[in-house]
Amino acid sequence: MRFRILIGRQKDGTYTGECASLHGCTAEGKTMEEFMKNMDEIIKIQLGKKRQNTEPSYSKEIIMMQEKD
């Protein structure tokens, strides 16, 4: 997957940025390499959270009980 990342450089020389398509996906780093590593990690974390939220909110036991009725 590809994501567009907005990157800025602060007065102290650090890099900060965000991935606008993933809520809460921001990172920073002292170098561009460190920033990109941190951004990669946070994107993986955010995608993992989204996958967890797509699981059904019911259990198989409830479905089986409904089928018996």
N, C-alpha and C. Protein backbone atom coordinates (compact mmCIF):
# COMPACT_ATOMS: atom_id res chain seq x y z
N MET A 1 0.84 -1.18 0.00
CA MET A 1 0.00 0.00 0.00
C MET A 1 0.88 1.25 0.00
N ARG A 2 0.36 2.28 -0.59
CA ARG A 2 1.06 3.55 -0.60
C ARG A 2 0.20 4.61 0.08
N PHE A 3 0.86 5.45 0.87
CA PHE A 3 0.18 6.53 1.56
C PHE A 3 0.91 7.83 1.29
N ARG A 4 0.16 8.90 1.16
CA ARG A 4 0.77 10.22 1.01
C ARG A 4 1.06 10.77 2.40
N ILE A 5 2.29 11.23 2.59
CA ILE A 5 2.73 11.73 3.89
C ILE A 5 3.15 13.19 3.73
N LEU A 6 2.64 14.04 4.60
CA LEU A 6 3.02 15.45 4.62
C LEU A 6 4.14 15.62 5.62
N ILE A 7 5.28 16.14 5.17
CA ILE A 7 6.47 16.25 6.01
C ILE A 7 6.89 17.71 6.13
N GLY A 8 7.26 18.09 7.34
CA GLY A 8 7.78 19.43 7.57
C GLY A 8 9.06 19.35 8.38
N ARG A 9 9.84 20.40 8.28
CA ARG A 9 11.08 20.44 9.06
C ARG A 9 10.97 21.58 10.06
N GLN A 10 11.19 21.27 11.31
CA GLN A 10 11.06 22.24 12.38
C GLN A 10 12.31 23.12 12.49
N LYS A 11 12.22 24.19 13.26
CA LYS A 11 13.36 25.10 13.43
C LYS A 11 14.58 24.41 14.03
N ASP A 12 14.34 23.41 14.87
CA ASP A 12 15.46 22.69 15.49
C ASP A 12 16.05 21.61 14.58
N GLY A 13 15.52 21.47 13.37
CA GLY A 13 16.06 20.53 12.40
C GLY A 13 15.36 19.18 12.37
N THR A 14 14.46 18.91 13.30
CA THR A 14 13.77 17.62 13.30
C THR A 14 12.68 17.62 12.23
N TYR A 15 12.33 16.42 11.80
CA TYR A 15 11.28 16.24 10.80
C TYR A 15 10.01 15.78 11.50
N THR A 16 8.89 16.35 11.11
CA THR A 16 7.59 15.91 11.62
C THR A 16 6.66 15.74 10.43
N GLY A 17 5.68 14.88 10.60
CA GLY A 17 4.75 14.69 9.51
C GLY A 17 3.56 13.86 9.91
N GLU A 18 2.63 13.77 8.96
CA GLU A 18 1.41 12.99 9.21
C GLU A 18 0.96 12.31 7.93
N CYS A 19 0.25 11.23 8.14
CA CYS A 19 -0.41 10.52 7.05
C CYS A 19 -1.89 10.86 7.18
N ALA A 20 -2.36 11.78 6.36
CA ALA A 20 -3.71 12.32 6.51
C ALA A 20 -4.80 11.27 6.31
N SER A 21 -4.54 10.21 5.58
CA SER A 21 -5.57 9.21 5.32
C SER A 21 -5.76 8.24 6.49
N LEU A 22 -4.87 8.28 7.49
CA LEU A 22 -5.00 7.43 8.67
C LEU A 22 -5.07 8.33 9.91
N HIS A 23 -6.20 8.35 10.55
CA HIS A 23 -6.42 9.22 11.71
C HIS A 23 -5.38 8.96 12.81
N GLY A 24 -4.78 10.03 13.30
CA GLY A 24 -3.83 9.91 14.40
C GLY A 24 -2.47 9.37 14.00
N CYS A 25 -2.16 9.40 12.73
CA CYS A 25 -0.92 8.82 12.24
C CYS A 25 0.11 9.93 12.04
N THR A 26 0.87 10.22 13.09
CA THR A 26 1.91 11.25 13.04
C THR A 26 3.21 10.67 13.55
N ALA A 27 4.32 11.26 13.10
CA ALA A 27 5.64 10.78 13.52
C ALA A 27 6.62 11.94 13.48
N GLU A 28 7.77 11.71 14.09
CA GLU A 28 8.86 12.68 14.03
C GLU A 28 10.18 11.94 14.09
N GLY A 29 11.24 12.64 13.73
CA GLY A 29 12.57 12.04 13.77
C GLY A 29 13.64 13.10 13.62
N LYS A 30 14.81 12.83 14.16
CA LYS A 30 15.93 13.77 14.07
C LYS A 30 16.48 13.83 12.65
N THR A 31 16.39 12.72 11.93
CA THR A 31 16.83 12.66 10.53
C THR A 31 15.67 12.17 9.68
N MET A 32 15.78 12.33 8.37
CA MET A 32 14.73 11.84 7.47
C MET A 32 14.61 10.32 7.58
N GLU A 33 15.73 9.64 7.72
CA GLU A 33 15.70 8.17 7.85
C GLU A 33 14.96 7.75 9.12
N GLU A 34 15.25 8.43 10.23
CA GLU A 34 14.56 8.12 11.48
C GLU A 34 13.07 8.44 11.38
N PHE A 35 12.76 9.56 10.75
CA PHE A 35 11.35 9.92 10.56
C PHE A 35 10.61 8.85 9.77
N MET A 36 11.20 8.42 8.65
CA MET A 36 10.54 7.43 7.80
C MET A 36 10.38 6.09 8.53
N LYS A 37 11.36 5.71 9.32
CA LYS A 37 11.26 4.48 10.12
C LYS A 37 10.11 4.59 11.12
N ASN A 38 10.03 5.72 11.80
CA ASN A 38 8.96 5.94 12.78
C ASN A 38 7.60 5.98 12.10
N MET A 39 7.52 6.63 10.94
CA MET A 39 6.25 6.70 10.21
C MET A 39 5.81 5.32 9.76
N ASP A 40 6.74 4.52 9.27
CA ASP A 40 6.44 3.16 8.85
C ASP A 40 5.85 2.36 10.01
N GLU A 41 6.44 2.48 11.19
CA GLU A 41 5.96 1.75 12.36
C GLU A 41 4.55 2.19 12.75
N ILE A 42 4.31 3.50 12.76
CA ILE A 42 2.98 3.98 13.18
C ILE A 42 1.91 3.61 12.16
N ILE A 43 2.26 3.60 10.88
CA ILE A 43 1.29 3.18 9.86
C ILE A 43 0.92 1.71 10.08
N LYS A 44 1.90 0.86 10.36
CA LYS A 44 1.62 -0.55 10.62
C LYS A 44 0.72 -0.71 11.85
N ILE A 45 0.98 0.08 12.88
CA ILE A 45 0.16 0.02 14.10
C ILE A 45 -1.27 0.45 13.79
N GLN A 46 -1.42 1.56 13.07
CA GLN A 46 -2.76 2.07 12.75
C GLN A 46 -3.53 1.09 11.86
N LEU A 47 -2.86 0.49 10.90
CA LEU A 47 -3.53 -0.49 10.05
C LEU A 47 -3.95 -1.72 10.85
N GLY A 48 -3.13 -2.12 11.80
CA GLY A 48 -3.48 -3.24 12.68
C GLY A 48 -4.72 -2.93 13.51
N LYS A 49 -4.82 -1.70 14.00
CA LYS A 49 -6.01 -1.29 14.76
C LYS A 49 -7.25 -1.33 13.90
N LYS A 50 -7.13 -0.87 12.66
CA LYS A 50 -8.28 -0.89 11.76
C LYS A 50 -8.73 -2.31 11.47
N ARG A 51 -7.78 -3.23 11.31
CA ARG A 51 -8.14 -4.63 11.05
C ARG A 51 -8.85 -5.23 12.26
N GLN A 52 -8.39 -4.88 13.46
CA GLN A 52 -9.04 -5.39 14.67
C GLN A 52 -10.47 -4.89 14.77
N ASN A 53 -10.72 -3.68 14.33
CA ASN A 53 -12.06 -3.10 14.42
C ASN A 53 -13.01 -3.65 13.37
N THR A 54 -12.52 -4.41 12.40
CA THR A 54 -13.41 -4.95 11.38
C THR A 54 -13.89 -6.36 11.72
N GLU A 55 -13.43 -6.91 12.82
CA GLU A 55 -13.89 -8.23 13.24
C GLU A 55 -15.36 -8.14 13.68
N PRO A 56 -16.14 -9.21 13.49
CA PRO A 56 -17.53 -9.19 13.95
C PRO A 56 -17.59 -8.98 15.46
N SER A 57 -18.61 -8.28 15.90
CA SER A 57 -18.74 -8.00 17.32
C SER A 57 -19.60 -9.04 18.04
N TYR A 58 -19.92 -10.14 17.39
CA TYR A 58 -20.71 -11.20 17.99
C TYR A 58 -19.89 -12.48 18.05
N SER A 59 -20.30 -13.39 18.87
CA SER A 59 -19.55 -14.64 18.99
C SER A 59 -20.25 -15.76 18.23
N LYS A 60 -19.53 -16.81 17.93
CA LYS A 60 -20.10 -17.95 17.23
C LYS A 60 -21.18 -18.62 18.06
N GLU A 61 -21.05 -18.57 19.39
CA GLU A 61 -22.04 -19.20 20.26
C GLU A 61 -23.40 -18.56 20.09
N ILE A 62 -23.45 -17.25 19.93
CA ILE A 62 -24.72 -16.55 19.76
C ILE A 62 -25.36 -16.97 18.44
N ILE A 63 -24.55 -17.08 17.39
CA ILE A 63 -25.08 -17.49 16.09
C ILE A 63 -25.64 -18.91 16.20
N MET A 64 -24.93 -19.80 16.86
CA MET A 64 -25.39 -21.18 16.98
C MET A 64 -26.68 -21.24 17.78
N MET A 65 -26.80 -20.43 18.82
CA MET A 65 -28.04 -20.40 19.61
C MET A 65 -29.20 -19.93 18.78
N GLN A 66 -28.97 -18.93 17.91
CA GLN A 66 -30.04 -18.41 17.08
C GLN A 66 -30.48 -19.45 16.04
N GLU A 67 -29.55 -20.26 15.55
CA GLU A 67 -29.87 -21.26 14.57
C GLU A 67 -30.73 -22.38 15.16
N LYS A 68 -30.59 -22.66 16.46
CA LYS A 68 -31.35 -23.73 17.10
C LYS A 68 -32.82 -23.34 17.25
N ASP A 69 -33.07 -22.07 17.40
CA ASP A 69 -34.47 -21.61 17.63
C ASP A 69 -35.34 -21.74 16.45
